[in-house]
Amino acid sequence: MISVIIPVWNGENYLAEAVNSVNRQNSDTEIIVVDDGSTDNTAKLAKSFGCRIVSIPHKGSSVARNVGLTVANGDTIMFLDHDDVLTEGSLDRLDKSLISGIDFVSAKVRDFLSPELSNSEKYKLVPRKKAYGGLLTGAYLFRQSVFVTVGGFNERLMTGECIDLLFRCSDLKLKELRLDFISAHRRLHLFNKGRIMRTQENKDYSAILREKIKKGE
């Protein structure tokens, strides 16, 4: 079984599309929605879709991801942001590629502009023209053992926690298989974390890079 962990803070606008994209997969899945102190109808909506729900006080996505890991029953783990969607058949393709000797597999994501945006709002956002790798949401499938080896997400980080995790996987020489297909579509809208937490993101990325320099890398 694949555990798909969706951390959410006030995500009622897009959560249904994310959950439906998982439910349309051919794989055996459990969907764990970690409600990170939402004040909207996130928990009610997730319950209506039959998701497992864990509600916590608002502490940020690193904590929410780690909470999801503590309750996951799957042999493999995927993290999907509440505003993104999986492509058809992507979970099965990732799962079948997780062969013996490989700790995790990764694919690519492609940006899309959220359709409810006005033309002036869309003008403020710049989707990448090509699909790209390195983004965790919907594009990585991990063996559960990875998190026994590297630990969970760094809860001191409010942003950049995914890059930090991947750096630690690399430091420990875990085996990654990179696949050349698009497994998820990443939604661009006015409240992406990278937009509303840009200053914090710069601080967190600087801290991550300083830590790597300290290690002599």
C-alpha atoms as a PDB file:
ATOM      1  CA  MET A   1       0.000   0.000   0.000  1.00  0.00           C
ATOM      2  CA  ILE A   2       1.085   3.556  -0.737  1.00  0.00           C
ATOM      3  CA  SER A   3       0.489   6.219   1.906  1.00  0.00           C
ATOM      4  CA  VAL A   4      -0.179   9.606   0.309  1.00  0.00           C
ATOM      5  CA  ILE A   5       0.345  12.323   2.906  1.00  0.00           C
ATOM      6  CA  ILE A   6      -1.296  15.687   2.212  1.00  0.00           C
ATOM      7  CA  PRO A   7      -0.388  18.484   4.649  1.00  0.00           C
ATOM      8  CA  VAL A   8      -3.026  21.229   4.544  1.00  0.00           C
ATOM      9  CA  TRP A   9      -3.514  24.639   6.047  1.00  0.00           C
ATOM     10  CA  ASN A  10      -6.748  26.333   4.936  1.00  0.00           C
ATOM     11  CA  GLY A  11      -6.877  24.371   1.711  1.00  0.00           C
ATOM     12  CA  GLU A  12     -10.572  23.918   1.035  1.00  0.00           C
ATOM     13  CA  ASN A  13     -10.341  25.625  -2.372  1.00  0.00           C
ATOM     14  CA  TYR A  14      -8.108  22.985  -3.969  1.00  0.00           C
ATOM     15  CA  LEU A  15      -8.090  19.919  -1.716  1.00  0.00           C
ATOM     16  CA  ALA A  16     -10.854  18.091  -3.583  1.00  0.00           C
ATOM     17  CA  GLU A  17      -8.863  18.096  -6.828  1.00  0.00           C
ATOM     18  CA  ALA A  18      -5.772  16.727  -5.087  1.00  0.00           C
ATOM     19  CA  VAL A  19      -7.719  13.938  -3.374  1.00  0.00           C
ATOM     20  CA  ASN A  20      -9.604  13.037  -6.551  1.00  0.00           C
ATOM     21  CA  SER A  21      -6.327  12.771  -8.447  1.00  0.00           C
ATOM     22  CA  VAL A  22      -5.169  10.152  -5.914  1.00  0.00           C
ATOM     23  CA  ASN A  23      -8.464   8.280  -5.959  1.00  0.00           C
ATOM     24  CA  ARG A  24      -8.259   7.970  -9.747  1.00  0.00           C
ATOM     25  CA  GLN A  25      -4.968   6.047  -9.526  1.00  0.00           C
ATOM     26  CA  ASN A  26      -4.870   2.288 -10.023  1.00  0.00           C
ATOM     27  CA  SER A  27      -2.732   1.737  -6.920  1.00  0.00           C
ATOM     28  CA  ASP A  28      -3.724   0.609  -3.425  1.00  0.00           C
ATOM     29  CA  THR A  29      -3.555   3.829  -1.404  1.00  0.00           C
ATOM     30  CA  GLU A  30      -4.438   5.443   1.867  1.00  0.00           C
ATOM     31  CA  ILE A  31      -4.822   9.216   1.891  1.00  0.00           C
ATOM     32  CA  ILE A  32      -3.715  10.935   5.087  1.00  0.00           C
ATOM     33  CA  VAL A  33      -4.760  14.575   5.367  1.00  0.00           C
ATOM     34  CA  VAL A  34      -2.878  16.377   8.120  1.00  0.00           C
ATOM     35  CA  ASP A  35      -4.976  19.416   8.950  1.00  0.00           C
ATOM     36  CA  ASP A  36      -2.426  21.961  10.161  1.00  0.00           C
ATOM     37  CA  GLY A  37      -4.725  24.128  12.262  1.00  0.00           C
ATOM     38  CA  SER A  38      -7.048  25.161   9.435  1.00  0.00           C
ATOM     39  CA  THR A  39      -9.804  27.664  10.174  1.00  0.00           C
ATOM     40  CA  ASP A  40     -11.823  26.857   7.045  1.00  0.00           C
ATOM     41  CA  ASN A  41     -13.691  23.673   6.065  1.00  0.00           C
ATOM     42  CA  THR A  42     -10.577  21.629   5.234  1.00  0.00           C
ATOM     43  CA  ALA A  43     -11.227  18.888   7.814  1.00  0.00           C
ATOM     44  CA  LYS A  44     -14.914  18.578   6.925  1.00  0.00           C
ATOM     45  CA  LEU A  45     -14.105  18.333   3.231  1.00  0.00           C
ATOM     46  CA  ALA A  46     -11.394  15.711   3.772  1.00  0.00           C
ATOM     47  CA  LYS A  47     -13.787  13.657   5.900  1.00  0.00           C
ATOM     48  CA  SER A  48     -16.403  13.752   3.137  1.00  0.00           C
ATOM     49  CA  PHE A  49     -13.879  12.109   0.805  1.00  0.00           C
ATOM     50  CA  GLY A  50     -13.118   9.336   3.290  1.00  0.00           C
ATOM     51  CA  CYS A  51      -9.553  10.435   3.993  1.00  0.00           C
ATOM     52  CA  ARG A  52      -7.783   9.680   7.241  1.00  0.00           C
ATOM     53  CA  ILE A  53      -7.618  12.996   9.072  1.00  0.00           C
ATOM     54  CA  VAL A  54      -5.135  14.072  11.711  1.00  0.00           C
ATOM     55  CA  SER A  55      -5.724  17.535  13.129  1.00  0.00           C
ATOM     56  CA  ILE A  56      -2.938  19.481  14.823  1.00  0.00           C
ATOM     57  CA  PRO A  57      -2.383  23.076  15.947  1.00  0.00           C
ATOM     58  CA  HIS A  58      -0.872  25.199  13.206  1.00  0.00           C
ATOM     59  CA  LYS A  59       2.871  24.479  13.240  1.00  0.00           C
ATOM     60  CA  GLY A  60       3.869  24.475   9.583  1.00  0.00           C
ATOM     61  CA  SER A  61       4.372  21.912   6.842  1.00  0.00           C
ATOM     62  CA  SER A  62       7.495  20.258   8.320  1.00  0.00           C
ATOM     63  CA  VAL A  63       5.618  19.268  11.464  1.00  0.00           C
ATOM     64  CA  ALA A  64       2.543  18.269   9.452  1.00  0.00           C
ATOM     65  CA  ARG A  65       4.590  15.964   7.198  1.00  0.00           C
ATOM     66  CA  ASN A  66       6.229  14.333  10.206  1.00  0.00           C
ATOM     67  CA  VAL A  67       2.860  13.772  11.873  1.00  0.00           C
ATOM     68  CA  GLY A  68       1.665  12.095   8.682  1.00  0.00           C
ATOM     69  CA  LEU A  69       4.696   9.794   8.749  1.00  0.00           C
ATOM     70  CA  THR A  70       3.900   8.657  12.306  1.00  0.00           C
ATOM     71  CA  VAL A  71       0.473   7.329  11.299  1.00  0.00           C
ATOM     72  CA  ALA A  72       1.250   6.038   7.795  1.00  0.00           C
ATOM     73  CA  ASN A  73       0.674   2.317   7.240  1.00  0.00           C
ATOM     74  CA  GLY A  74       2.021   2.080   3.702  1.00  0.00           C
ATOM     75  CA  ASP A  75       5.168   0.317   2.576  1.00  0.00           C
ATOM     76  CA  THR A  76       5.897   3.401   0.478  1.00  0.00           C
ATOM     77  CA  ILE A  77       5.293   7.118   1.056  1.00  0.00           C
ATOM     78  CA  MET A  78       4.342  10.006  -1.210  1.00  0.00           C
ATOM     79  CA  PHE A  79       3.841  13.637  -0.211  1.00  0.00           C
ATOM     80  CA  LEU A  80       1.345  15.672  -2.202  1.00  0.00           C
ATOM     81  CA  ASP A  81       0.591  19.334  -1.607  1.00  0.00           C
ATOM     82  CA  HIS A  82      -3.111  20.063  -1.280  1.00  0.00           C
ATOM     83  CA  ASP A  83      -3.125  22.369  -4.321  1.00  0.00           C
ATOM     84  CA  ASP A  84      -1.392  20.002  -6.757  1.00  0.00           C
ATOM     85  CA  VAL A  85      -2.712  17.041  -8.752  1.00  0.00           C
ATOM     86  CA  LEU A  86      -1.300  13.692  -9.819  1.00  0.00           C
ATOM     87  CA  THR A  87      -1.312  12.686 -13.464  1.00  0.00           C
ATOM     88  CA  GLU A  88      -3.171   9.563 -14.542  1.00  0.00           C
ATOM     89  CA  GLY A  89      -1.329   6.333 -13.713  1.00  0.00           C
ATOM     90  CA  SER A  90       1.629   8.097 -12.117  1.00  0.00           C
ATOM     91  CA  LEU A  91       1.508   6.266  -8.780  1.00  0.00           C
ATOM     92  CA  ASP A  92       1.528   2.862 -10.449  1.00  0.00           C
ATOM     93  CA  ARG A  93       4.419   3.851 -12.674  1.00  0.00           C
ATOM     94  CA  LEU A  94       6.458   5.163  -9.746  1.00  0.00           C
ATOM     95  CA  ASP A  95       5.649   2.105  -7.652  1.00  0.00           C
ATOM     96  CA  LYS A  96       6.692  -0.367 -10.363  1.00  0.00           C
ATOM     97  CA  SER A  97       9.981   1.500 -10.799  1.00  0.00           C
ATOM     98  CA  LEU A  98      10.885   1.116  -7.118  1.00  0.00           C
ATOM     99  CA  ILE A  99      12.916  -2.016  -7.781  1.00  0.00           C
ATOM    100  CA  SER A 100      15.270  -3.855  -5.451  1.00  0.00           C
ATOM    101  CA  GLY A 101      18.250  -1.752  -4.404  1.00  0.00           C
ATOM    102  CA  ILE A 102      16.467   1.575  -4.997  1.00  0.00           C
ATOM    103  CA  ASP A 103      15.438   3.637  -1.959  1.00  0.00           C
ATOM    104  CA  PHE A 104      13.246   6.153  -3.748  1.00  0.00           C
ATOM    105  CA  VAL A 105      12.167   7.131  -7.237  1.00  0.00           C
ATOM    106  CA  SER A 106      11.422  10.556  -8.658  1.00  0.00           C
ATOM    107  CA  ALA A 107       9.683  11.953 -11.705  1.00  0.00           C
ATOM    108  CA  LYS A 108       8.936  15.493 -12.888  1.00  0.00           C
ATOM    109  CA  VAL A 109       6.270  18.125 -12.340  1.00  0.00           C
ATOM    110  CA  ARG A 110       4.816  20.739 -14.661  1.00  0.00           C
ATOM    111  CA  ASP A 111       3.445  24.120 -13.609  1.00  0.00           C
ATOM    112  CA  PHE A 112      -0.071  25.254 -14.438  1.00  0.00           C
ATOM    113  CA  LEU A 113      -1.935  28.476 -13.738  1.00  0.00           C
ATOM    114  CA  SER A 114      -4.960  27.955 -11.517  1.00  0.00           C
ATOM    115  CA  PRO A 115      -8.006  28.477 -13.743  1.00  0.00           C
ATOM    116  CA  GLU A 116      -9.913  30.770 -11.377  1.00  0.00           C
ATOM    117  CA  LEU A 117      -7.258  33.486 -11.673  1.00  0.00           C
ATOM    118  CA  SER A 118      -8.066  36.648 -13.598  1.00  0.00           C
ATOM    119  CA  ASN A 119      -5.867  37.669 -16.511  1.00  0.00           C
ATOM    120  CA  SER A 120      -4.188  40.335 -14.387  1.00  0.00           C
ATOM    121  CA  GLU A 121      -3.497  37.797 -11.639  1.00  0.00           C
ATOM    122  CA  LYS A 122      -2.085  35.288 -14.108  1.00  0.00           C
ATOM    123  CA  TYR A 123       0.264  37.987 -15.360  1.00  0.00           C
ATOM    124  CA  LYS A 124       1.913  38.090 -11.917  1.00  0.00           C
ATOM    125  CA  LEU A 125       2.860  34.403 -12.106  1.00  0.00           C
ATOM    126  CA  VAL A 126       5.475  32.824 -14.328  1.00  0.00           C
ATOM    127  CA  PRO A 127       5.083  29.072 -14.934  1.00  0.00           C
ATOM    128  CA  ARG A 128       8.173  27.233 -16.098  1.00  0.00           C
ATOM    129  CA  LYS A 129       7.961  26.350 -19.762  1.00  0.00           C
ATOM    130  CA  LYS A 130       9.311  22.832 -19.310  1.00  0.00           C
ATOM    131  CA  ALA A 131       8.720  20.038 -16.816  1.00  0.00           C
ATOM    132  CA  TYR A 132      11.318  19.872 -14.068  1.00  0.00           C
ATOM    133  CA  GLY A 133      12.528  17.645 -11.250  1.00  0.00           C
ATOM    134  CA  GLY A 134      13.596  18.272  -7.687  1.00  0.00           C
ATOM    135  CA  LEU A 135      10.168  19.222  -6.335  1.00  0.00           C
ATOM    136  CA  LEU A 136       8.812  16.735  -3.818  1.00  0.00           C
ATOM    137  CA  THR A 137       5.063  17.153  -4.294  1.00  0.00           C
ATOM    138  CA  GLY A 138       3.608  14.260  -6.246  1.00  0.00           C
ATOM    139  CA  ALA A 139       6.960  13.438  -7.846  1.00  0.00           C
ATOM    140  CA  TYR A 140       8.761  11.266  -5.276  1.00  0.00           C
ATOM    141  CA  LEU A 141       7.915   7.839  -3.930  1.00  0.00           C
ATOM    142  CA  PHE A 142       9.950   6.692  -0.925  1.00  0.00           C
ATOM    143  CA  ARG A 143      10.313   3.387   0.814  1.00  0.00           C
ATOM    144  CA  GLN A 144       9.188   3.860   4.401  1.00  0.00           C
ATOM    145  CA  SER A 145      12.648   2.698   5.497  1.00  0.00           C
ATOM    146  CA  VAL A 146      14.128   5.939   4.116  1.00  0.00           C
ATOM    147  CA  PHE A 147      12.667   7.855   7.045  1.00  0.00           C
ATOM    148  CA  VAL A 148      14.060   5.357   9.527  1.00  0.00           C
ATOM    149  CA  THR A 149      17.477   6.066   8.034  1.00  0.00           C
ATOM    150  CA  VAL A 150      17.391   9.857   7.604  1.00  0.00           C
ATOM    151  CA  GLY A 151      14.731  10.806  10.136  1.00  0.00           C
ATOM    152  CA  GLY A 152      11.847  13.069   9.265  1.00  0.00           C
ATOM    153  CA  PHE A 153      11.661  16.673   8.142  1.00  0.00           C
ATOM    154  CA  ASN A 154      13.604  19.384   9.930  1.00  0.00           C
ATOM    155  CA  GLU A 155      10.976  21.087  12.072  1.00  0.00           C
ATOM    156  CA  ARG A 156      13.166  24.168  12.554  1.00  0.00           C
ATOM    157  CA  LEU A 157      12.527  24.989   8.894  1.00  0.00           C
ATOM    158  CA  MET A 158       9.287  26.690   7.877  1.00  0.00           C
ATOM    159  CA  THR A 159      10.226  26.370   4.190  1.00  0.00           C
ATOM    160  CA  GLY A 160      12.870  24.417   2.280  1.00  0.00           C
ATOM    161  CA  GLU A 161      12.270  21.283   4.325  1.00  0.00           C
ATOM    162  CA  CYS A 162      11.976  19.115   1.218  1.00  0.00           C
ATOM    163  CA  ILE A 163      15.329  20.224  -0.192  1.00  0.00           C
ATOM    164  CA  ASP A 164      16.882  19.637   3.214  1.00  0.00           C
ATOM    165  CA  LEU A 165      15.478  16.083   3.275  1.00  0.00           C
ATOM    166  CA  LEU A 166      16.813  15.315  -0.195  1.00  0.00           C
ATOM    167  CA  PHE A 167      20.250  16.668   0.760  1.00  0.00           C
ATOM    168  CA  ARG A 168      20.325  14.295   3.747  1.00  0.00           C
ATOM    169  CA  CYS A 169      19.318  11.377   1.533  1.00  0.00           C
ATOM    170  CA  SER A 170      22.235  12.255  -0.723  1.00  0.00           C
ATOM    171  CA  ASP A 171      24.623  12.580   2.218  1.00  0.00           C
ATOM    172  CA  LEU A 172      23.705   9.061   3.321  1.00  0.00           C
ATOM    173  CA  LYS A 173      24.177   7.665  -0.202  1.00  0.00           C
ATOM    174  CA  LEU A 174      20.587   6.508  -0.582  1.00  0.00           C
ATOM    175  CA  LYS A 175      19.792   5.250  -4.073  1.00  0.00           C
ATOM    176  CA  GLU A 176      17.479   7.346  -6.246  1.00  0.00           C
ATOM    177  CA  LEU A 177      16.089   6.370  -9.637  1.00  0.00           C
ATOM    178  CA  ARG A 178      15.064   9.361 -11.762  1.00  0.00           C
ATOM    179  CA  LEU A 179      12.282   8.867 -14.296  1.00  0.00           C
ATOM    180  CA  ASP A 180      11.561  11.016 -17.318  1.00  0.00           C
ATOM    181  CA  PHE A 181       7.819  11.546 -17.121  1.00  0.00           C
ATOM    182  CA  ILE A 182       5.427  14.036 -15.539  1.00  0.00           C
ATOM    183  CA  SER A 183       3.830  12.600 -12.416  1.00  0.00           C
ATOM    184  CA  ALA A 184       2.155  15.747 -11.077  1.00  0.00           C
ATOM    185  CA  HIS A 185       0.925  19.175 -12.065  1.00  0.00           C
ATOM    186  CA  ARG A 186       1.921  21.994  -9.732  1.00  0.00           C
ATOM    187  CA  ARG A 187      -0.678  24.706  -9.320  1.00  0.00           C
ATOM    188  CA  LEU A 188       0.445  28.325  -9.385  1.00  0.00           C
ATOM    189  CA  HIS A 189      -1.858  30.716  -7.541  1.00  0.00           C
ATOM    190  CA  LEU A 190      -1.613  33.845  -5.432  1.00  0.00           C
ATOM    191  CA  PHE A 191      -0.991  32.015  -2.160  1.00  0.00           C
ATOM    192  CA  ASN A 192       1.773  29.529  -3.004  1.00  0.00           C
ATOM    193  CA  LYS A 193       4.073  29.249  -0.003  1.00  0.00           C
ATOM    194  CA  GLY A 194       7.008  30.508  -2.020  1.00  0.00           C
ATOM    195  CA  ARG A 195       5.125  33.749  -2.711  1.00  0.00           C
ATOM    196  CA  ILE A 196       3.736  34.518   0.730  1.00  0.00           C
ATOM    197  CA  MET A 197       6.803  33.340   2.666  1.00  0.00           C
ATOM    198  CA  ARG A 198       9.576  34.586   0.369  1.00  0.00           C
ATOM    199  CA  THR A 199      11.605  36.268   3.130  1.00  0.00           C
ATOM    200  CA  GLN A 200      11.411  33.190   5.339  1.00  0.00           C
ATOM    201  CA  GLU A 201      12.270  30.981   2.382  1.00  0.00           C
ATOM    202  CA  ASN A 202      15.442  32.970   1.730  1.00  0.00           C
ATOM    203  CA  LYS A 203      16.454  32.612   5.384  1.00  0.00           C
ATOM    204  CA  ASP A 204      15.782  28.872   5.430  1.00  0.00           C
ATOM    205  CA  TYR A 205      17.641  28.178   2.197  1.00  0.00           C
ATOM    206  CA  SER A 206      20.589  30.169   3.496  1.00  0.00           C
ATOM    207  CA  ALA A 207      20.580  28.080   6.683  1.00  0.00           C
ATOM    208  CA  ILE A 208      20.513  24.859   4.644  1.00  0.00           C
ATOM    209  CA  LEU A 209      23.433  25.989   2.499  1.00  0.00           C
ATOM    210  CA  ARG A 210      25.433  27.085   5.542  1.00  0.00           C
ATOM    211  CA  GLU A 211      24.946  23.644   7.051  1.00  0.00           C
ATOM    212  CA  LYS A 212      26.250  21.979   3.903  1.00  0.00           C
ATOM    213  CA  ILE A 213      29.274  24.308   3.805  1.00  0.00           C
ATOM    214  CA  LYS A 214      29.950  23.491   7.439  1.00  0.00           C
ATOM    215  CA  LYS A 215      30.103  19.828   6.463  1.00  0.00           C
ATOM    216  CA  GLY A 216      32.688  20.690   3.831  1.00  0.00           C
ATOM    217  CA  GLU A 217      30.471  19.919   0.841  1.00  0.00           C
END
